[in-house]
Structure formats: C-alpha cells, structure tokens
Amino acid sequence: EVERIIGEIAAGGARIVMTTHNLG
C-alpha cells in the first residue's frame, strides 16, 4: 500500500529520493 501511494505521488509530478534495504 505504501508503494502504491509513492507511485501515485510520483505520477503527480513529485521527484522521489528514497533509501531502502529492499532490492525488489
């Protein structure tokens, strides 16, 4: 669900910079 939300925020034009330990 969090990934879905991030995708929608990005689709709205926001640039995303994230740290993650999850390679997938």
PDB file of all heavy atoms in Angstrom:
ATOM      1  N   GLU A   1       0.830  -1.205   0.000  1.00  0.00           N
ATOM      2  CA  GLU A   1       0.000   0.000   0.000  1.00  0.00           C
ATOM      3  C   GLU A   1       0.868   1.259   0.000  1.00  0.00           C
ATOM      4  O   GLU A   1       0.571   2.231  -0.701  1.00  0.00           O
ATOM      5  CB  GLU A   1      -0.928  -0.007   1.216  1.00  0.00           C
ATOM      6  CG  GLU A   1      -1.922   1.128   1.259  1.00  0.00           C
ATOM      7  CD  GLU A   1      -2.882   1.161   0.084  1.00  0.00           C
ATOM      8  OE1 GLU A   1      -3.045   0.116  -0.598  1.00  0.00           O
ATOM      9  OE2 GLU A   1      -3.487   2.230  -0.151  1.00  0.00           O
ATOM     10  N   VAL A   2       1.949   1.246   0.772  1.00  0.00           N
ATOM     11  CA  VAL A   2       2.863   2.389   0.782  1.00  0.00           C
ATOM     12  C   VAL A   2       3.498   2.572  -0.590  1.00  0.00           C
ATOM     13  O   VAL A   2       3.623   3.701  -1.089  1.00  0.00           O
ATOM     14  CB  VAL A   2       3.938   2.211   1.878  1.00  0.00           C
ATOM     15  CG1 VAL A   2       5.083   3.209   1.694  1.00  0.00           C
ATOM     16  CG2 VAL A   2       3.312   2.384   3.258  1.00  0.00           C
ATOM     17  N   GLU A   3       3.886   1.473  -1.228  1.00  0.00           N
ATOM     18  CA  GLU A   3       4.456   1.575  -2.574  1.00  0.00           C
ATOM     19  C   GLU A   3       3.442   2.161  -3.557  1.00  0.00           C
ATOM     20  O   GLU A   3       3.801   2.961  -4.433  1.00  0.00           O
ATOM     21  CB  GLU A   3       4.928   0.203  -3.058  1.00  0.00           C
ATOM     22  CG  GLU A   3       6.204  -0.270  -2.397  1.00  0.00           C
ATOM     23  CD  GLU A   3       6.755  -1.529  -3.043  1.00  0.00           C
ATOM     24  OE1 GLU A   3       6.405  -1.809  -4.213  1.00  0.00           O
ATOM     25  OE2 GLU A   3       7.539  -2.241  -2.376  1.00  0.00           O
ATOM     26  N   ARG A   4       2.185   1.764  -3.415  1.00  0.00           N
ATOM     27  CA  ARG A   4       1.142   2.322  -4.290  1.00  0.00           C
ATOM     28  C   ARG A   4       1.057   3.833  -4.115  1.00  0.00           C
ATOM     29  O   ARG A   4       0.983   4.592  -5.102  1.00  0.00           O
ATOM     30  CB  ARG A   4      -0.211   1.689  -3.964  1.00  0.00           C
ATOM     31  CG  ARG A   4      -1.361   2.252  -4.804  1.00  0.00           C
ATOM     32  CD  ARG A   4      -2.725   1.875  -4.253  1.00  0.00           C
ATOM     33  NE  ARG A   4      -3.028   2.511  -2.981  1.00  0.00           N
ATOM     34  CZ  ARG A   4      -3.425   3.787  -2.851  1.00  0.00           C
ATOM     35  NH1 ARG A   4      -3.544   4.563  -3.914  1.00  0.00           N
ATOM     36  NH2 ARG A   4      -3.699   4.285  -1.653  1.00  0.00           N
ATOM     37  N   ILE A   5       1.071   4.276  -2.878  1.00  0.00           N
ATOM     38  CA  ILE A   5       0.970   5.703  -2.595  1.00  0.00           C
ATOM     39  C   ILE A   5       2.173   6.450  -3.153  1.00  0.00           C
ATOM     40  O   ILE A   5       2.032   7.518  -3.766  1.00  0.00           O
ATOM     41  CB  ILE A   5       0.826   5.936  -1.076  1.00  0.00           C
ATOM     42  CG1 ILE A   5      -0.492   5.354  -0.580  1.00  0.00           C
ATOM     43  CG2 ILE A   5       0.921   7.431  -0.746  1.00  0.00           C
ATOM     44  CD1 ILE A   5      -0.571   5.220   0.928  1.00  0.00           C
ATOM     45  N   ILE A   6       3.356   5.896  -2.969  1.00  0.00           N
ATOM     46  CA  ILE A   6       4.565   6.527  -3.515  1.00  0.00           C
ATOM     47  C   ILE A   6       4.448   6.658  -5.031  1.00  0.00           C
ATOM     48  O   ILE A   6       4.803   7.689  -5.611  1.00  0.00           O
ATOM     49  CB  ILE A   6       5.817   5.717  -3.130  1.00  0.00           C
ATOM     50  CG1 ILE A   6       6.046   5.781  -1.622  1.00  0.00           C
ATOM     51  CG2 ILE A   6       7.053   6.239  -3.877  1.00  0.00           C
ATOM     52  CD1 ILE A   6       7.114   4.822  -1.127  1.00  0.00           C
ATOM     53  N   GLY A   7       3.947   5.600  -5.666  1.00  0.00           N
ATOM     54  CA  GLY A   7       3.769   5.643  -7.113  1.00  0.00           C
ATOM     55  C   GLY A   7       2.815   6.739  -7.541  1.00  0.00           C
ATOM     56  O   GLY A   7       3.050   7.434  -8.547  1.00  0.00           O
ATOM     57  N   GLU A   8       1.732   6.946  -6.787  1.00  0.00           N
ATOM     58  CA  GLU A   8       0.775   7.990  -7.131  1.00  0.00           C
ATOM     59  C   GLU A   8       1.360   9.382  -6.909  1.00  0.00           C
ATOM     60  O   GLU A   8       1.102  10.306  -7.687  1.00  0.00           O
ATOM     61  CB  GLU A   8      -0.510   7.807  -6.320  1.00  0.00           C
ATOM     62  CG  GLU A   8      -1.314   6.586  -6.741  1.00  0.00           C
ATOM     63  CD  GLU A   8      -2.729   6.604  -6.181  1.00  0.00           C
ATOM     64  OE1 GLU A   8      -3.140   7.658  -5.648  1.00  0.00           O
ATOM     65  OE2 GLU A   8      -3.403   5.568  -6.279  1.00  0.00           O
ATOM     66  N   ILE A   9       2.139   9.534  -5.850  1.00  0.00           N
ATOM     67  CA  ILE A   9       2.789  10.827  -5.614  1.00  0.00           C
ATOM     68  C   ILE A   9       3.752  11.140  -6.763  1.00  0.00           C
ATOM     69  O   ILE A   9       3.795  12.265  -7.268  1.00  0.00           O
ATOM     70  CB  ILE A   9       3.530  10.820  -4.263  1.00  0.00           C
ATOM     71  CG1 ILE A   9       2.530  10.695  -3.105  1.00  0.00           C
ATOM     72  CG2 ILE A   9       4.362  12.092  -4.092  1.00  0.00           C
ATOM     73  CD1 ILE A   9       3.164  10.506  -1.746  1.00  0.00           C
ATOM     74  N   ALA A  10       4.512  10.129  -7.176  1.00  0.00           N
ATOM     75  CA  ALA A  10       5.441  10.328  -8.297  1.00  0.00           C
ATOM     76  C   ALA A  10       4.689  10.625  -9.585  1.00  0.00           C
ATOM     77  O   ALA A  10       5.101  11.481 -10.376  1.00  0.00           O
ATOM     78  CB  ALA A  10       6.327   9.088  -8.469  1.00  0.00           C
ATOM     79  N   ALA A  11       3.575   9.927  -9.803  1.00  0.00           N
ATOM     80  CA  ALA A  11       2.783  10.149 -11.019  1.00  0.00           C
ATOM     81  C   ALA A  11       2.237  11.575 -11.077  1.00  0.00           C
ATOM     82  O   ALA A  11       1.999  12.107 -12.159  1.00  0.00           O
ATOM     83  CB  ALA A  11       1.634   9.146 -11.087  1.00  0.00           C
ATOM     84  N   GLY A  12       2.066  12.193  -9.918  1.00  0.00           N
ATOM     85  CA  GLY A  12       1.606  13.559  -9.862  1.00  0.00           C
ATOM     86  C   GLY A  12       2.691  14.583 -10.148  1.00  0.00           C
ATOM     87  O   GLY A  12       2.409  15.787 -10.163  1.00  0.00           O
ATOM     88  N   GLY A  13       3.916  14.107 -10.360  1.00  0.00           N
ATOM     89  CA  GLY A  13       4.997  15.011 -10.746  1.00  0.00           C
ATOM     90  C   GLY A  13       6.081  15.210  -9.714  1.00  0.00           C
ATOM     91  O   GLY A  13       7.088  15.882  -9.993  1.00  0.00           O
ATOM     92  N   ALA A  14       5.923  14.647  -8.516  1.00  0.00           N
ATOM     93  CA  ALA A  14       6.950  14.818  -7.493  1.00  0.00           C
ATOM     94  C   ALA A  14       8.157  13.943  -7.791  1.00  0.00           C
ATOM     95  O   ALA A  14       8.028  12.800  -8.252  1.00  0.00           O
ATOM     96  CB  ALA A  14       6.389  14.470  -6.119  1.00  0.00           C
ATOM     97  N   ARG A  15       9.329  14.462  -7.537  1.00  0.00           N
ATOM     98  CA  ARG A  15      10.555  13.677  -7.614  1.00  0.00           C
ATOM     99  C   ARG A  15      10.688  12.897  -6.306  1.00  0.00           C
ATOM    100  O   ARG A  15      10.410  13.434  -5.235  1.00  0.00           O
ATOM    101  CB  ARG A  15      11.763  14.586  -7.832  1.00  0.00           C
ATOM    102  CG  ARG A  15      11.681  15.412  -9.123  1.00  0.00           C
ATOM    103  CD  ARG A  15      12.578  16.634  -9.024  1.00  0.00           C
ATOM    104  NE  ARG A  15      12.561  17.430 -10.230  1.00  0.00           N
ATOM    105  CZ  ARG A  15      11.678  18.383 -10.514  1.00  0.00           C
ATOM    106  NH1 ARG A  15      10.694  18.634  -9.652  1.00  0.00           N
ATOM    107  NH2 ARG A  15      11.755  19.073 -11.627  1.00  0.00           N
ATOM    108  N   ILE A  16      11.134  11.655  -6.403  1.00  0.00           N
ATOM    109  CA  ILE A  16      11.257  10.782  -5.240  1.00  0.00           C
ATOM    110  C   ILE A  16      12.723  10.410  -5.043  1.00  0.00           C
ATOM    111  O   ILE A  16      13.392   9.984  -5.987  1.00  0.00           O
ATOM    112  CB  ILE A  16      10.436   9.488  -5.408  1.00  0.00           C
ATOM    113  CG1 ILE A  16       8.960   9.798  -5.710  1.00  0.00           C
ATOM    114  CG2 ILE A  16      10.591   8.579  -4.191  1.00  0.00           C
ATOM    115  CD1 ILE A  16       8.196  10.411  -4.579  1.00  0.00           C
ATOM    116  N   VAL A  17      13.215  10.581  -3.822  1.00  0.00           N
ATOM    117  CA  VAL A  17      14.536  10.061  -3.448  1.00  0.00           C
ATOM    118  C   VAL A  17      14.334   9.242  -2.189  1.00  0.00           C
ATOM    119  O   VAL A  17      13.864   9.762  -1.172  1.00  0.00           O
ATOM    120  CB  VAL A  17      15.564  11.177  -3.187  1.00  0.00           C
ATOM    121  CG1 VAL A  17      16.931  10.565  -2.868  1.00  0.00           C
ATOM    122  CG2 VAL A  17      15.661  12.114  -4.390  1.00  0.00           C
ATOM    123  N   MET A  18      14.667   7.949  -2.238  1.00  0.00           N
ATOM    124  CA  MET A  18      14.385   7.086  -1.103  1.00  0.00           C
ATOM    125  C   MET A  18      15.532   6.144  -0.792  1.00  0.00           C
ATOM    126  O   MET A  18      16.253   5.692  -1.682  1.00  0.00           O
ATOM    127  CB  MET A  18      13.121   6.266  -1.367  1.00  0.00           C
ATOM    128  CG  MET A  18      13.237   5.268  -2.518  1.00  0.00           C
ATOM    129  SD  MET A  18      11.687   4.373  -2.833  1.00  0.00           S
ATOM    130  CE  MET A  18      11.542   3.381  -1.339  1.00  0.00           C
ATOM    131  N   THR A  19      15.714   5.882   0.491  1.00  0.00           N
ATOM    132  CA  THR A  19      16.588   4.802   0.912  1.00  0.00           C
ATOM    133  C   THR A  19      15.718   3.571   1.127  1.00  0.00           C
ATOM    134  O   THR A  19      14.559   3.677   1.535  1.00  0.00           O
ATOM    135  CB  THR A  19      17.322   5.125   2.223  1.00  0.00           C
ATOM    136  OG1 THR A  19      16.368   5.191   3.297  1.00  0.00           O
ATOM    137  CG2 THR A  19      18.068   6.451   2.124  1.00  0.00           C
ATOM    138  N   THR A  20      16.268   2.423   0.832  1.00  0.00           N
ATOM    139  CA  THR A  20      15.549   1.177   1.077  1.00  0.00           C
ATOM    140  C   THR A  20      16.547   0.039   1.186  1.00  0.00           C
ATOM    141  O   THR A  20      17.603   0.059   0.553  1.00  0.00           O
ATOM    142  CB  THR A  20      14.518   0.883  -0.032  1.00  0.00           C
ATOM    143  OG1 THR A  20      13.864  -0.366   0.261  1.00  0.00           O
ATOM    144  CG2 THR A  20      15.159   0.789  -1.404  1.00  0.00           C
ATOM    145  N   HIS A  21      16.210  -0.936   2.017  1.00  0.00           N
ATOM    146  CA  HIS A  21      17.023  -2.151   2.099  1.00  0.00           C
ATOM    147  C   HIS A  21      16.427  -3.250   1.233  1.00  0.00           C
ATOM    148  O   HIS A  21      16.994  -4.337   1.112  1.00  0.00           O
ATOM    149  CB  HIS A  21      17.086  -2.643   3.554  1.00  0.00           C
ATOM    150  CG  HIS A  21      15.773  -3.179   4.053  1.00  0.00           C
ATOM    151  ND1 HIS A  21      14.721  -2.350   4.385  1.00  0.00           N
ATOM    152  CD2 HIS A  21      15.335  -4.438   4.252  1.00  0.00           C
ATOM    153  CE1 HIS A  21      13.687  -3.095   4.773  1.00  0.00           C
ATOM    154  NE2 HIS A  21      14.036  -4.360   4.706  1.00  0.00           N
ATOM    155  N   ASN A  22      15.279  -2.960   0.621  1.00  0.00           N
ATOM    156  CA  ASN A  22      14.532  -3.937  -0.167  1.00  0.00           C
ATOM    157  C   ASN A  22      14.886  -3.769  -1.647  1.00  0.00           C
ATOM    158  O   ASN A  22      14.440  -2.829  -2.293  1.00  0.00           O
ATOM    159  CB  ASN A  22      13.034  -3.714   0.070  1.00  0.00           C
ATOM    160  CG  ASN A  22      12.166  -4.750  -0.586  1.00  0.00           C
ATOM    161  OD1 ASN A  22      12.465  -5.219  -1.684  1.00  0.00           O
ATOM    162  ND2 ASN A  22      11.077  -5.109   0.073  1.00  0.00           N
ATOM    163  N   LEU A  23      15.672  -4.698  -2.185  1.00  0.00           N
ATOM    164  CA  LEU A  23      16.110  -4.571  -3.576  1.00  0.00           C
ATOM    165  C   LEU A  23      14.932  -4.668  -4.550  1.00  0.00           C
ATOM    166  O   LEU A  23      14.908  -3.979  -5.575  1.00  0.00           O
ATOM    167  CB  LEU A  23      17.150  -5.648  -3.898  1.00  0.00           C
ATOM    168  CG  LEU A  23      18.458  -5.597  -3.123  1.00  0.00           C
ATOM    169  CD1 LEU A  23      19.462  -6.580  -3.718  1.00  0.00           C
ATOM    170  CD2 LEU A  23      19.039  -4.197  -3.094  1.00  0.00           C
ATOM    171  N   GLY A  24      13.962  -5.519  -4.231  1.00  0.00           N
ATOM    172  CA  GLY A  24      12.781  -5.622  -5.088  1.00  0.00           C
ATOM    173  C   GLY A  24      12.031  -4.307  -5.145  1.00  0.00           C
ATOM    174  O   GLY A  24      11.558  -3.890  -6.207  1.00  0.00           O
TER     175      GLY A  24
END
